[in-house]
Amino acid sequence: MKKEIEKHSSENLKTAFEILNKNVARLADLSVDVLSYQSGQAGVMAHSDLNQCVKDAVRLLEAEAAVRAIKFSASYGEGLSNCLINPSRIYRCVVNLIINAFDACTPRSGSVFVKTEKVSQDEALISVIDTGCGMDERTKALVFDLFKSTKRKRGTGLGLPTVYDIVRQHGGRIDIDSKKDKGTTFRISLKIS
């Protein structure tokens, strides 16, 4: 970028900036995943609004969905304002799942839908549903393995293991329903009391 600024070459500078910006975003994602991967540690649990955690994640990624031209929507269930959770960890969990859903969709097509619902007095469900490329059984079996990325050169292999760890720390479980070329649904069941 420095060379292009000295040459006053705006087109090459724009390209250089785009490359830099993409790599900074990748490094930021990697840093957050490494820092948030605290195997076995639930962190601080507090009575929090589960819907607000999910809404914050959705708001963060609305612009990204627009840039990728992916249809992105959410629906929020009732009775989730006083859940015993670690809000920052749940937020990170949902961000990771949404980013993976975006990555599964072909640019300028596909959709991602996020949904929360209260299943019982002590259980909530968060679903992230995409119409992307889906996964075969072999890939599904590997998604929670540390440092095993299905995104080839783009992934770190930390995102979904981090999600799995967060869910486990909350006494929950995660289920995957996926069909190759049809899309994927991640369902997170959380203990909330």
N, C-alpha and C. Protein backbone atom coordinates (compact mmCIF):
# COMPACT_ATOMS: atom_id res chain seq x y z
N MET A 1 0.84 -1.19 0.00
CA MET A 1 0.00 0.00 0.00
C MET A 1 0.88 1.25 0.00
N LYS A 2 1.97 1.18 0.78
CA LYS A 2 2.87 2.33 0.86
C LYS A 2 3.43 2.67 -0.52
N LYS A 3 3.84 1.64 -1.29
CA LYS A 3 4.38 1.88 -2.63
C LYS A 3 3.33 2.51 -3.54
N GLU A 4 2.11 2.01 -3.46
CA GLU A 4 1.05 2.53 -4.32
C GLU A 4 0.67 3.96 -3.95
N ILE A 5 0.73 4.29 -2.67
CA ILE A 5 0.46 5.67 -2.24
C ILE A 5 1.52 6.60 -2.81
N GLU A 6 2.79 6.16 -2.76
CA GLU A 6 3.88 6.98 -3.31
C GLU A 6 3.74 7.17 -4.82
N LYS A 7 3.20 6.14 -5.51
CA LYS A 7 2.99 6.22 -6.97
C LYS A 7 1.71 6.95 -7.32
N HIS A 8 0.85 7.19 -6.35
CA HIS A 8 -0.47 7.80 -6.58
C HIS A 8 -1.33 6.94 -7.50
N SER A 9 -1.21 5.62 -7.35
CA SER A 9 -1.97 4.69 -8.16
C SER A 9 -3.21 4.26 -7.39
N SER A 10 -4.33 4.92 -7.65
CA SER A 10 -5.54 4.68 -6.86
C SER A 10 -6.13 3.29 -7.10
N GLU A 11 -6.07 2.78 -8.33
CA GLU A 11 -6.65 1.46 -8.61
C GLU A 11 -5.89 0.36 -7.88
N ASN A 12 -4.55 0.40 -7.97
CA ASN A 12 -3.74 -0.59 -7.28
C ASN A 12 -3.85 -0.43 -5.76
N LEU A 13 -4.00 0.80 -5.32
CA LEU A 13 -4.16 1.06 -3.89
C LEU A 13 -5.46 0.45 -3.38
N LYS A 14 -6.52 0.58 -4.17
CA LYS A 14 -7.80 -0.01 -3.80
C LYS A 14 -7.68 -1.53 -3.67
N THR A 15 -7.03 -2.16 -4.62
CA THR A 15 -6.83 -3.61 -4.58
C THR A 15 -5.99 -4.01 -3.37
N ALA A 16 -4.92 -3.27 -3.13
CA ALA A 16 -4.06 -3.56 -1.98
C ALA A 16 -4.83 -3.42 -0.67
N PHE A 17 -5.68 -2.39 -0.59
CA PHE A 17 -6.47 -2.20 0.62
C PHE A 17 -7.45 -3.35 0.83
N GLU A 18 -8.10 -3.80 -0.25
CA GLU A 18 -9.04 -4.91 -0.14
C GLU A 18 -8.34 -6.18 0.37
N ILE A 19 -7.14 -6.44 -0.12
CA ILE A 19 -6.38 -7.59 0.34
C ILE A 19 -6.02 -7.44 1.81
N LEU A 20 -5.55 -6.27 2.17
CA LEU A 20 -5.20 -6.00 3.57
C LEU A 20 -6.42 -6.15 4.47
N ASN A 21 -7.53 -5.59 4.04
CA ASN A 21 -8.76 -5.62 4.84
C ASN A 21 -9.22 -7.06 5.07
N LYS A 22 -9.20 -7.89 4.04
CA LYS A 22 -9.60 -9.29 4.18
C LYS A 22 -8.69 -10.03 5.15
N ASN A 23 -7.39 -9.78 5.05
CA ASN A 23 -6.45 -10.47 5.94
C ASN A 23 -6.56 -9.99 7.38
N VAL A 24 -6.81 -8.72 7.57
CA VAL A 24 -7.02 -8.21 8.93
C VAL A 24 -8.27 -8.84 9.53
N ALA A 25 -9.33 -8.96 8.74
CA ALA A 25 -10.57 -9.59 9.23
C ALA A 25 -10.31 -11.05 9.61
N ARG A 26 -9.55 -11.76 8.79
CA ARG A 26 -9.22 -13.16 9.11
C ARG A 26 -8.42 -13.25 10.40
N LEU A 27 -7.43 -12.37 10.55
CA LEU A 27 -6.62 -12.37 11.77
C LEU A 27 -7.46 -12.02 12.99
N ALA A 28 -8.38 -11.09 12.83
CA ALA A 28 -9.26 -10.72 13.95
C ALA A 28 -10.13 -11.91 14.35
N ASP A 29 -10.70 -12.60 13.37
CA ASP A 29 -11.51 -13.78 13.67
C ASP A 29 -10.68 -14.86 14.37
N LEU A 30 -9.48 -15.09 13.87
CA LEU A 30 -8.61 -16.08 14.48
C LEU A 30 -8.28 -15.70 15.92
N SER A 31 -7.96 -14.43 16.14
CA SER A 31 -7.63 -13.97 17.50
C SER A 31 -8.79 -14.15 18.46
N VAL A 32 -9.98 -13.78 18.02
CA VAL A 32 -11.16 -13.93 18.88
C VAL A 32 -11.40 -15.40 19.18
N ASP A 33 -11.27 -16.27 18.17
CA ASP A 33 -11.48 -17.70 18.41
C ASP A 33 -10.46 -18.26 19.38
N VAL A 34 -9.18 -17.89 19.20
CA VAL A 34 -8.15 -18.39 20.10
C VAL A 34 -8.40 -17.89 21.52
N LEU A 35 -8.72 -16.62 21.66
CA LEU A 35 -8.95 -16.05 22.99
C LEU A 35 -10.21 -16.59 23.64
N SER A 36 -11.23 -16.89 22.83
CA SER A 36 -12.49 -17.36 23.42
C SER A 36 -12.51 -18.86 23.63
N TYR A 37 -11.52 -19.59 23.06
CA TYR A 37 -11.51 -21.03 23.27
C TYR A 37 -10.89 -21.32 24.63
N GLN A 38 -11.75 -21.54 25.62
CA GLN A 38 -11.33 -21.78 27.00
C GLN A 38 -11.91 -23.11 27.42
N SER A 39 -11.38 -24.17 26.88
CA SER A 39 -11.94 -25.49 27.12
C SER A 39 -12.16 -25.75 28.60
N GLY A 40 -13.39 -26.13 28.92
CA GLY A 40 -13.73 -26.49 30.28
C GLY A 40 -14.12 -25.35 31.18
N GLN A 41 -14.06 -24.11 30.72
CA GLN A 41 -14.37 -22.96 31.56
C GLN A 41 -15.62 -22.26 31.07
N ALA A 42 -16.66 -22.26 31.90
CA ALA A 42 -17.91 -21.62 31.48
C ALA A 42 -17.84 -20.11 31.59
N GLY A 43 -16.98 -19.61 32.45
CA GLY A 43 -16.91 -18.17 32.66
C GLY A 43 -18.03 -17.70 33.56
N VAL A 44 -18.30 -16.41 33.54
CA VAL A 44 -19.28 -15.81 34.44
C VAL A 44 -20.69 -16.01 33.89
N MET A 45 -21.50 -16.71 34.67
CA MET A 45 -22.91 -16.92 34.30
C MET A 45 -23.73 -15.83 35.00
N ALA A 46 -24.73 -15.32 34.29
CA ALA A 46 -25.58 -14.27 34.86
C ALA A 46 -26.97 -14.39 34.25
N HIS A 47 -27.96 -13.88 34.97
CA HIS A 47 -29.32 -13.83 34.43
C HIS A 47 -29.34 -12.75 33.35
N SER A 48 -29.53 -13.16 32.12
CA SER A 48 -29.44 -12.26 30.97
C SER A 48 -30.55 -12.56 29.98
N ASP A 49 -30.72 -11.63 29.06
CA ASP A 49 -31.71 -11.77 28.00
C ASP A 49 -31.08 -12.54 26.83
N LEU A 50 -31.46 -13.79 26.65
CA LEU A 50 -30.92 -14.61 25.57
C LEU A 50 -31.21 -13.99 24.21
N ASN A 51 -32.42 -13.48 24.04
CA ASN A 51 -32.78 -12.85 22.76
C ASN A 51 -31.87 -11.67 22.45
N GLN A 52 -31.49 -10.91 23.47
CA GLN A 52 -30.63 -9.75 23.23
C GLN A 52 -29.25 -10.19 22.75
N CYS A 53 -28.72 -11.27 23.32
CA CYS A 53 -27.42 -11.81 22.84
C CYS A 53 -27.51 -12.15 21.37
N VAL A 54 -28.58 -12.84 20.99
CA VAL A 54 -28.76 -13.26 19.60
C VAL A 54 -29.01 -12.05 18.71
N LYS A 55 -29.82 -11.09 19.17
CA LYS A 55 -30.07 -9.88 18.38
C LYS A 55 -28.78 -9.11 18.12
N ASP A 56 -27.91 -9.03 19.13
CA ASP A 56 -26.63 -8.33 18.96
C ASP A 56 -25.78 -9.00 17.89
N ALA A 57 -25.76 -10.33 17.89
CA ALA A 57 -25.01 -11.07 16.86
C ALA A 57 -25.62 -10.83 15.48
N VAL A 58 -26.94 -10.86 15.40
CA VAL A 58 -27.62 -10.63 14.12
C VAL A 58 -27.32 -9.22 13.61
N ARG A 59 -27.42 -8.22 14.49
CA ARG A 59 -27.14 -6.83 14.09
C ARG A 59 -25.71 -6.67 13.57
N LEU A 60 -24.76 -7.33 14.27
CA LEU A 60 -23.36 -7.24 13.87
C LEU A 60 -23.17 -7.72 12.43
N LEU A 61 -23.91 -8.74 12.03
CA LEU A 61 -23.67 -9.39 10.74
C LEU A 61 -24.65 -9.01 9.64
N GLU A 62 -25.57 -8.08 9.90
CA GLU A 62 -26.52 -7.66 8.87
C GLU A 62 -25.83 -7.05 7.67
N ALA A 63 -24.82 -6.22 7.91
CA ALA A 63 -24.11 -5.58 6.79
C ALA A 63 -23.36 -6.62 5.98
N GLU A 64 -22.77 -7.61 6.64
CA GLU A 64 -22.07 -8.69 5.94
C GLU A 64 -23.03 -9.46 5.04
N ALA A 65 -24.23 -9.73 5.54
CA ALA A 65 -25.23 -10.43 4.73
C ALA A 65 -25.59 -9.59 3.51
N ALA A 66 -25.73 -8.29 3.70
CA ALA A 66 -26.07 -7.41 2.58
C ALA A 66 -24.97 -7.39 1.53
N VAL A 67 -23.71 -7.34 1.97
CA VAL A 67 -22.58 -7.34 1.04
C VAL A 67 -22.55 -8.64 0.24
N ARG A 68 -22.85 -9.74 0.89
CA ARG A 68 -22.85 -11.04 0.21
C ARG A 68 -24.16 -11.31 -0.53
N ALA A 69 -25.13 -10.42 -0.37
CA ALA A 69 -26.45 -10.57 -0.98
C ALA A 69 -27.12 -11.87 -0.55
N ILE A 70 -27.04 -12.14 0.73
CA ILE A 70 -27.69 -13.31 1.33
C ILE A 70 -28.92 -12.83 2.08
N LYS A 71 -30.04 -13.47 1.89
CA LYS A 71 -31.25 -13.15 2.63
C LYS A 71 -31.03 -13.56 4.09
N PHE A 72 -31.21 -12.62 5.02
CA PHE A 72 -30.87 -12.85 6.42
C PHE A 72 -32.01 -12.35 7.29
N SER A 73 -32.56 -13.24 8.12
CA SER A 73 -33.67 -12.85 8.98
C SER A 73 -33.60 -13.61 10.30
N ALA A 74 -34.43 -13.15 11.24
CA ALA A 74 -34.43 -13.77 12.57
C ALA A 74 -35.82 -13.70 13.18
N SER A 75 -36.07 -14.61 14.11
CA SER A 75 -37.31 -14.67 14.85
C SER A 75 -36.96 -14.98 16.30
N TYR A 76 -37.61 -14.26 17.23
CA TYR A 76 -37.25 -14.37 18.64
C TYR A 76 -38.45 -14.84 19.46
N GLY A 77 -38.23 -15.92 20.22
CA GLY A 77 -39.28 -16.48 21.06
C GLY A 77 -39.50 -15.67 22.32
N GLU A 78 -40.59 -15.93 22.98
CA GLU A 78 -40.94 -15.22 24.21
C GLU A 78 -40.39 -15.95 25.43
N GLY A 79 -40.30 -15.21 26.54
CA GLY A 79 -39.93 -15.80 27.82
C GLY A 79 -38.46 -16.10 27.98
N LEU A 80 -37.60 -15.39 27.27
CA LEU A 80 -36.16 -15.66 27.32
C LEU A 80 -35.36 -14.48 27.88
N SER A 81 -36.02 -13.63 28.67
CA SER A 81 -35.36 -12.42 29.17
C SER A 81 -34.57 -12.64 30.45
N ASN A 82 -34.74 -13.80 31.09
CA ASN A 82 -34.07 -14.03 32.38
C ASN A 82 -33.42 -15.41 32.39
N CYS A 83 -32.45 -15.60 31.49
CA CYS A 83 -31.79 -16.90 31.33
C CYS A 83 -30.43 -16.88 32.02
N LEU A 84 -30.09 -17.96 32.70
CA LEU A 84 -28.79 -18.07 33.36
C LEU A 84 -27.77 -18.56 32.32
N ILE A 85 -27.02 -17.61 31.76
CA ILE A 85 -26.07 -17.89 30.68
C ILE A 85 -24.85 -16.99 30.86
N ASN A 86 -23.84 -17.28 30.08
CA ASN A 86 -22.72 -16.36 29.93
C ASN A 86 -22.98 -15.60 28.64
N PRO A 87 -23.48 -14.36 28.73
CA PRO A 87 -23.92 -13.65 27.52
C PRO A 87 -22.84 -13.45 26.46
N SER A 88 -21.61 -13.16 26.86
CA SER A 88 -20.57 -12.92 25.86
C SER A 88 -20.19 -14.22 25.14
N ARG A 89 -20.24 -15.34 25.83
CA ARG A 89 -19.92 -16.62 25.20
C ARG A 89 -21.05 -17.06 24.25
N ILE A 90 -22.30 -16.84 24.66
CA ILE A 90 -23.43 -17.18 23.78
C ILE A 90 -23.39 -16.30 22.53
N TYR A 91 -23.08 -15.02 22.72
CA TYR A 91 -22.94 -14.10 21.58
C TYR A 91 -21.90 -14.63 20.60
N ARG A 92 -20.72 -15.02 21.11
CA ARG A 92 -19.65 -15.52 20.26
C ARG A 92 -20.08 -16.80 19.55
N CYS A 93 -20.78 -17.64 20.24
CA CYS A 93 -21.29 -18.90 19.69
C CYS A 93 -22.19 -18.61 18.48
N VAL A 94 -23.13 -17.70 18.65
CA VAL A 94 -24.08 -17.38 17.58
C VAL A 94 -23.37 -16.69 16.41
N VAL A 95 -22.43 -15.80 16.70
CA VAL A 95 -21.65 -15.15 15.63
C VAL A 95 -20.94 -16.21 14.80
N ASN A 96 -20.28 -17.16 15.45
CA ASN A 96 -19.58 -18.22 14.72
C ASN A 96 -20.53 -19.01 13.83
N LEU A 97 -21.69 -19.37 14.36
CA LEU A 97 -22.64 -20.16 13.57
C LEU A 97 -23.17 -19.37 12.37
N ILE A 98 -23.45 -18.09 12.57
CA ILE A 98 -23.96 -17.27 11.46
C ILE A 98 -22.90 -17.11 10.38
N ILE A 99 -21.67 -16.85 10.77
CA ILE A 99 -20.58 -16.70 9.79
C ILE A 99 -20.41 -17.99 9.00
N ASN A 100 -20.46 -19.14 9.69
CA ASN A 100 -20.37 -20.42 8.98
C ASN A 100 -21.53 -20.59 8.02
N ALA A 101 -22.73 -20.17 8.43
CA ALA A 101 -23.90 -20.27 7.55
C ALA A 101 -23.70 -19.38 6.31
N PHE A 102 -23.19 -18.16 6.51
CA PHE A 102 -22.91 -17.28 5.36
C PHE A 102 -21.92 -17.95 4.42
N ASP A 103 -20.85 -18.51 5.00
CA ASP A 103 -19.81 -19.13 4.18
C ASP A 103 -20.33 -20.33 3.39
N ALA A 104 -21.36 -20.99 3.92
CA ALA A 104 -21.94 -22.15 3.23
C ALA A 104 -22.79 -21.74 2.04
N CYS A 105 -23.26 -20.49 2.03
CA CYS A 105 -24.12 -20.02 0.95
C CYS A 105 -23.28 -19.48 -0.21
N THR A 106 -23.75 -19.70 -1.40
CA THR A 106 -23.12 -19.12 -2.58
C THR A 106 -23.37 -17.61 -2.56
N PRO A 107 -22.32 -16.81 -2.84
CA PRO A 107 -22.55 -15.35 -2.88
C PRO A 107 -23.69 -14.99 -3.82
N ARG A 108 -24.47 -14.02 -3.43
CA ARG A 108 -25.63 -13.52 -4.18
C ARG A 108 -26.76 -14.53 -4.29
N SER A 109 -26.75 -15.49 -3.36
CA SER A 109 -27.90 -16.41 -3.29
C SER A 109 -27.90 -17.04 -1.91
N GLY A 110 -28.95 -17.73 -1.61
CA GLY A 110 -29.04 -18.41 -0.33
C GLY A 110 -29.67 -17.55 0.73
N SER A 111 -29.98 -18.20 1.84
CA SER A 111 -30.59 -17.49 2.96
C SER A 111 -30.12 -18.10 4.27
N VAL A 112 -30.15 -17.26 5.29
CA VAL A 112 -29.81 -17.68 6.65
C VAL A 112 -30.90 -17.16 7.57
N PHE A 113 -31.40 -18.05 8.41
CA PHE A 113 -32.48 -17.72 9.34
C PHE A 113 -32.04 -18.13 10.74
N VAL A 114 -32.19 -17.21 11.69
CA VAL A 114 -31.83 -17.46 13.09
C VAL A 114 -33.11 -17.41 13.92
N LYS A 115 -33.26 -18.37 14.83
CA LYS A 115 -34.50 -18.47 15.59
C LYS A 115 -34.18 -18.85 17.04
N THR A 116 -34.89 -18.20 17.98
CA THR A 116 -34.82 -18.61 19.38
C THR A 116 -36.21 -19.04 19.83
N GLU A 117 -36.24 -19.97 20.76
CA GLU A 117 -37.52 -20.38 21.33
C GLU A 117 -37.30 -20.99 22.71
N LYS A 118 -38.29 -20.83 23.54
CA LYS A 118 -38.26 -21.45 24.86
C LYS A 118 -38.95 -22.80 24.74
N VAL A 119 -38.22 -23.87 25.08
CA VAL A 119 -38.73 -25.22 24.95
C VAL A 119 -39.44 -25.65 26.23
N SER A 120 -38.87 -25.27 27.37
CA SER A 120 -39.45 -25.58 28.68
C SER A 120 -38.96 -24.53 29.67
N GLN A 121 -39.32 -24.68 30.92
CA GLN A 121 -38.91 -23.70 31.95
C GLN A 121 -37.40 -23.57 32.04
N ASP A 122 -36.69 -24.66 31.79
CA ASP A 122 -35.24 -24.59 31.96
C ASP A 122 -34.45 -24.88 30.68
N GLU A 123 -35.11 -24.78 29.53
CA GLU A 123 -34.42 -25.07 28.27
C GLU A 123 -34.84 -24.12 27.16
N ALA A 124 -33.84 -23.64 26.43
CA ALA A 124 -34.06 -22.78 25.26
C ALA A 124 -33.38 -23.39 24.06
N LEU A 125 -33.86 -23.02 22.88
CA LEU A 125 -33.31 -23.53 21.63
C LEU A 125 -32.93 -22.35 20.74
N ILE A 126 -31.71 -22.40 20.22
CA ILE A 126 -31.25 -21.44 19.22
C ILE A 126 -30.99 -22.23 17.95
N SER A 127 -31.60 -21.83 16.85
CA SER A 127 -31.40 -22.51 15.57
C SER A 127 -30.80 -21.54 14.56
N VAL A 128 -29.81 -22.01 13.81
CA VAL A 128 -29.24 -21.25 12.69
C VAL A 128 -29.40 -22.14 11.47
N ILE A 129 -30.20 -21.66 10.52
CA ILE A 129 -30.62 -22.46 9.37
C ILE A 129 -30.12 -21.78 8.09
N ASP A 130 -29.42 -22.54 7.26
CA ASP A 130 -28.98 -21.96 5.98
C ASP A 130 -29.40 -22.85 4.81
N THR A 131 -29.42 -22.24 3.64
CA THR A 131 -29.75 -22.97 2.41
C THR A 131 -28.49 -23.17 1.57
N GLY A 132 -27.37 -23.31 2.25
CA GLY A 132 -26.09 -23.42 1.58
C GLY A 132 -25.76 -24.80 1.06
N CYS A 133 -24.46 -25.08 0.99
CA CYS A 133 -23.97 -26.30 0.35
C CYS A 133 -24.21 -27.58 1.14
N GLY A 134 -24.51 -27.47 2.42
CA GLY A 134 -24.75 -28.66 3.23
C GLY A 134 -23.49 -29.47 3.46
N MET A 135 -23.65 -30.57 4.19
CA MET A 135 -22.50 -31.42 4.52
C MET A 135 -22.87 -32.88 4.35
N ASP A 136 -21.89 -33.66 3.95
CA ASP A 136 -22.09 -35.11 3.93
C ASP A 136 -21.81 -35.64 5.34
N GLU A 137 -22.05 -36.92 5.56
CA GLU A 137 -21.88 -37.51 6.90
C GLU A 137 -20.44 -37.43 7.39
N ARG A 138 -19.49 -37.61 6.51
CA ARG A 138 -18.07 -37.54 6.89
C ARG A 138 -17.71 -36.15 7.41
N THR A 139 -18.15 -35.13 6.69
CA THR A 139 -17.87 -33.76 7.10
C THR A 139 -18.54 -33.44 8.42
N LYS A 140 -19.80 -33.85 8.58
CA LYS A 140 -20.51 -33.62 9.84
C LYS A 140 -19.75 -34.22 11.02
N ALA A 141 -19.15 -35.38 10.81
CA ALA A 141 -18.43 -36.05 11.89
C ALA A 141 -17.17 -35.31 12.30
N LEU A 142 -16.64 -34.44 11.44
CA LEU A 142 -15.39 -33.73 11.72
C LEU A 142 -15.57 -32.29 12.19
N VAL A 143 -16.76 -31.72 12.08
CA VAL A 143 -16.91 -30.27 12.29
C VAL A 143 -16.51 -29.77 13.68
N PHE A 144 -16.59 -30.62 14.70
CA PHE A 144 -16.25 -30.16 16.04
C PHE A 144 -14.82 -30.53 16.45
N ASP A 145 -14.05 -31.11 15.52
CA ASP A 145 -12.65 -31.43 15.82
C ASP A 145 -11.81 -30.16 15.75
N LEU A 146 -10.99 -29.98 16.75
CA LEU A 146 -10.13 -28.79 16.84
C LEU A 146 -9.15 -28.75 15.67
N PHE A 147 -9.05 -27.59 15.03
CA PHE A 147 -8.15 -27.30 13.92
C PHE A 147 -8.48 -28.07 12.64
N LYS A 148 -9.68 -28.65 12.55
CA LYS A 148 -10.12 -29.31 11.32
C LYS A 148 -11.15 -28.40 10.67
N SER A 149 -10.77 -27.70 9.65
CA SER A 149 -11.68 -26.77 8.98
C SER A 149 -12.22 -27.40 7.70
N THR A 150 -13.49 -27.17 7.44
CA THR A 150 -14.10 -27.61 6.18
C THR A 150 -14.03 -26.49 5.14
N LYS A 151 -13.42 -25.35 5.50
CA LYS A 151 -13.37 -24.19 4.60
C LYS A 151 -12.07 -24.10 3.82
N ARG A 152 -11.33 -25.16 3.75
CA ARG A 152 -10.04 -25.21 3.06
C ARG A 152 -9.11 -24.16 3.64
N LYS A 153 -8.63 -23.22 2.84
CA LYS A 153 -7.63 -22.27 3.32
C LYS A 153 -8.22 -21.15 4.17
N ARG A 154 -9.54 -20.95 4.13
CA ARG A 154 -10.13 -19.80 4.83
C ARG A 154 -10.36 -20.04 6.31
N GLY A 155 -10.53 -21.28 6.74
CA GLY A 155 -10.92 -21.55 8.12
C GLY A 155 -9.74 -21.87 9.02
N THR A 156 -9.94 -21.66 10.33
CA THR A 156 -8.90 -21.96 11.31
C THR A 156 -9.16 -23.28 12.01
N GLY A 157 -10.39 -23.77 11.93
CA GLY A 157 -10.73 -24.99 12.66
C GLY A 157 -10.99 -24.72 14.13
N LEU A 158 -11.22 -23.46 14.49
CA LEU A 158 -11.51 -23.11 15.89
C LEU A 158 -12.97 -22.72 16.11
N GLY A 159 -13.65 -22.26 15.08
CA GLY A 159 -15.01 -21.72 15.25
C GLY A 159 -16.00 -22.72 15.81
N LEU A 160 -16.20 -23.85 15.15
CA LEU A 160 -17.18 -24.83 15.61
C LEU A 160 -16.75 -25.57 16.88
N PRO A 161 -15.45 -25.89 17.07
CA PRO A 161 -15.07 -26.43 18.38
C PRO A 161 -15.35 -25.45 19.51
N THR A 162 -15.19 -24.15 19.24
CA THR A 162 -15.52 -23.13 20.24
C THR A 162 -17.01 -23.16 20.54
N VAL A 163 -17.83 -23.24 19.50
CA VAL A 163 -19.28 -23.34 19.67
C VAL A 163 -19.63 -24.55 20.52
N TYR A 164 -19.06 -25.70 20.17
CA TYR A 164 -19.32 -26.94 20.90
C TYR A 164 -18.95 -26.79 22.38
N ASP A 165 -17.80 -26.18 22.63
CA ASP A 165 -17.33 -26.00 24.00
C ASP A 165 -18.27 -25.08 24.80
N ILE A 166 -18.71 -24.01 24.18
CA ILE A 166 -19.63 -23.07 24.85
C ILE A 166 -20.94 -23.77 25.19
N VAL A 167 -21.47 -24.51 24.26
CA VAL A 167 -22.74 -25.22 24.47
C VAL A 167 -22.58 -26.24 25.61
N ARG A 168 -21.50 -26.98 25.58
CA ARG A 168 -21.24 -27.99 26.62
C ARG A 168 -21.12 -27.33 28.00
N GLN A 169 -20.45 -26.19 28.06
CA GLN A 169 -20.28 -25.46 29.32
C GLN A 169 -21.61 -24.99 29.89
N HIS A 170 -22.57 -24.79 29.03
CA HIS A 170 -23.91 -24.35 29.46
C HIS A 170 -24.83 -25.55 29.74
N GLY A 171 -24.27 -26.74 29.79
CA GLY A 171 -25.07 -27.93 30.05
C GLY A 171 -26.01 -28.26 28.92
N GLY A 172 -25.64 -27.86 27.72
CA GLY A 172 -26.52 -28.05 26.57
C GLY A 172 -25.99 -29.08 25.59
N ARG A 173 -26.62 -29.10 24.44
CA ARG A 173 -26.19 -29.99 23.37
C ARG A 173 -26.40 -29.27 22.03
N ILE A 174 -25.72 -29.77 21.03
CA ILE A 174 -25.84 -29.19 19.69
C ILE A 174 -26.12 -30.32 18.71
N ASP A 175 -27.13 -30.12 17.87
CA ASP A 175 -27.50 -31.10 16.86
C ASP A 175 -27.35 -30.47 15.48
N ILE A 176 -26.97 -31.29 14.53
CA ILE A 176 -26.80 -30.82 13.15
C ILE A 176 -27.69 -31.65 12.24
N ASP A 177 -28.48 -30.95 11.45
CA ASP A 177 -29.26 -31.59 10.39
C ASP A 177 -28.77 -30.99 9.09
N SER A 178 -28.16 -31.80 8.24
CA SER A 178 -27.58 -31.27 7.02
C SER A 178 -27.69 -32.28 5.89
N LYS A 179 -27.93 -31.75 4.71
CA LYS A 179 -27.97 -32.57 3.51
C LYS A 179 -27.13 -31.87 2.44
N LYS A 180 -26.28 -32.63 1.80
CA LYS A 180 -25.41 -32.09 0.76
C LYS A 180 -26.24 -31.35 -0.29
N ASP A 181 -25.84 -30.13 -0.60
CA ASP A 181 -26.48 -29.25 -1.59
C ASP A 181 -27.89 -28.79 -1.19
N LYS A 182 -28.28 -29.03 0.07
CA LYS A 182 -29.63 -28.62 0.51
C LYS A 182 -29.59 -27.64 1.68
N GLY A 183 -28.49 -27.58 2.42
CA GLY A 183 -28.41 -26.67 3.54
C GLY A 183 -28.19 -27.38 4.87
N THR A 184 -28.02 -26.57 5.90
CA THR A 184 -27.70 -27.08 7.23
C THR A 184 -28.48 -26.33 8.30
N THR A 185 -28.88 -27.06 9.33
CA THR A 185 -29.48 -26.46 10.51
C THR A 185 -28.67 -26.88 11.73
N PHE A 186 -28.17 -25.89 12.47
CA PHE A 186 -27.55 -26.14 13.76
C PHE A 186 -28.59 -25.80 14.82
N ARG A 187 -28.86 -26.74 15.73
CA ARG A 187 -29.80 -26.50 16.83
C ARG A 187 -29.04 -26.60 18.14
N ILE A 188 -29.06 -25.51 18.88
CA ILE A 188 -28.38 -25.47 20.18
C ILE A 188 -29.44 -25.49 21.26
N SER A 189 -29.39 -26.51 22.10
CA SER A 189 -30.28 -26.61 23.24
C SER A 189 -29.49 -26.21 24.48
N LEU A 190 -29.98 -25.19 25.21
CA LEU A 190 -29.27 -24.66 26.37
C LEU A 190 -30.10 -24.80 27.64
N LYS A 191 -29.43 -25.14 28.72
CA LYS A 191 -30.06 -25.06 30.05
C LYS A 191 -30.03 -23.58 30.42
N ILE A 192 -31.15 -23.03 30.83
CA ILE A 192 -31.23 -21.58 31.08
C ILE A 192 -31.59 -21.23 32.52
N SER A 193 -31.65 -22.23 33.41
CA SER A 193 -31.93 -21.91 34.82
C SER A 193 -31.06 -22.74 35.74
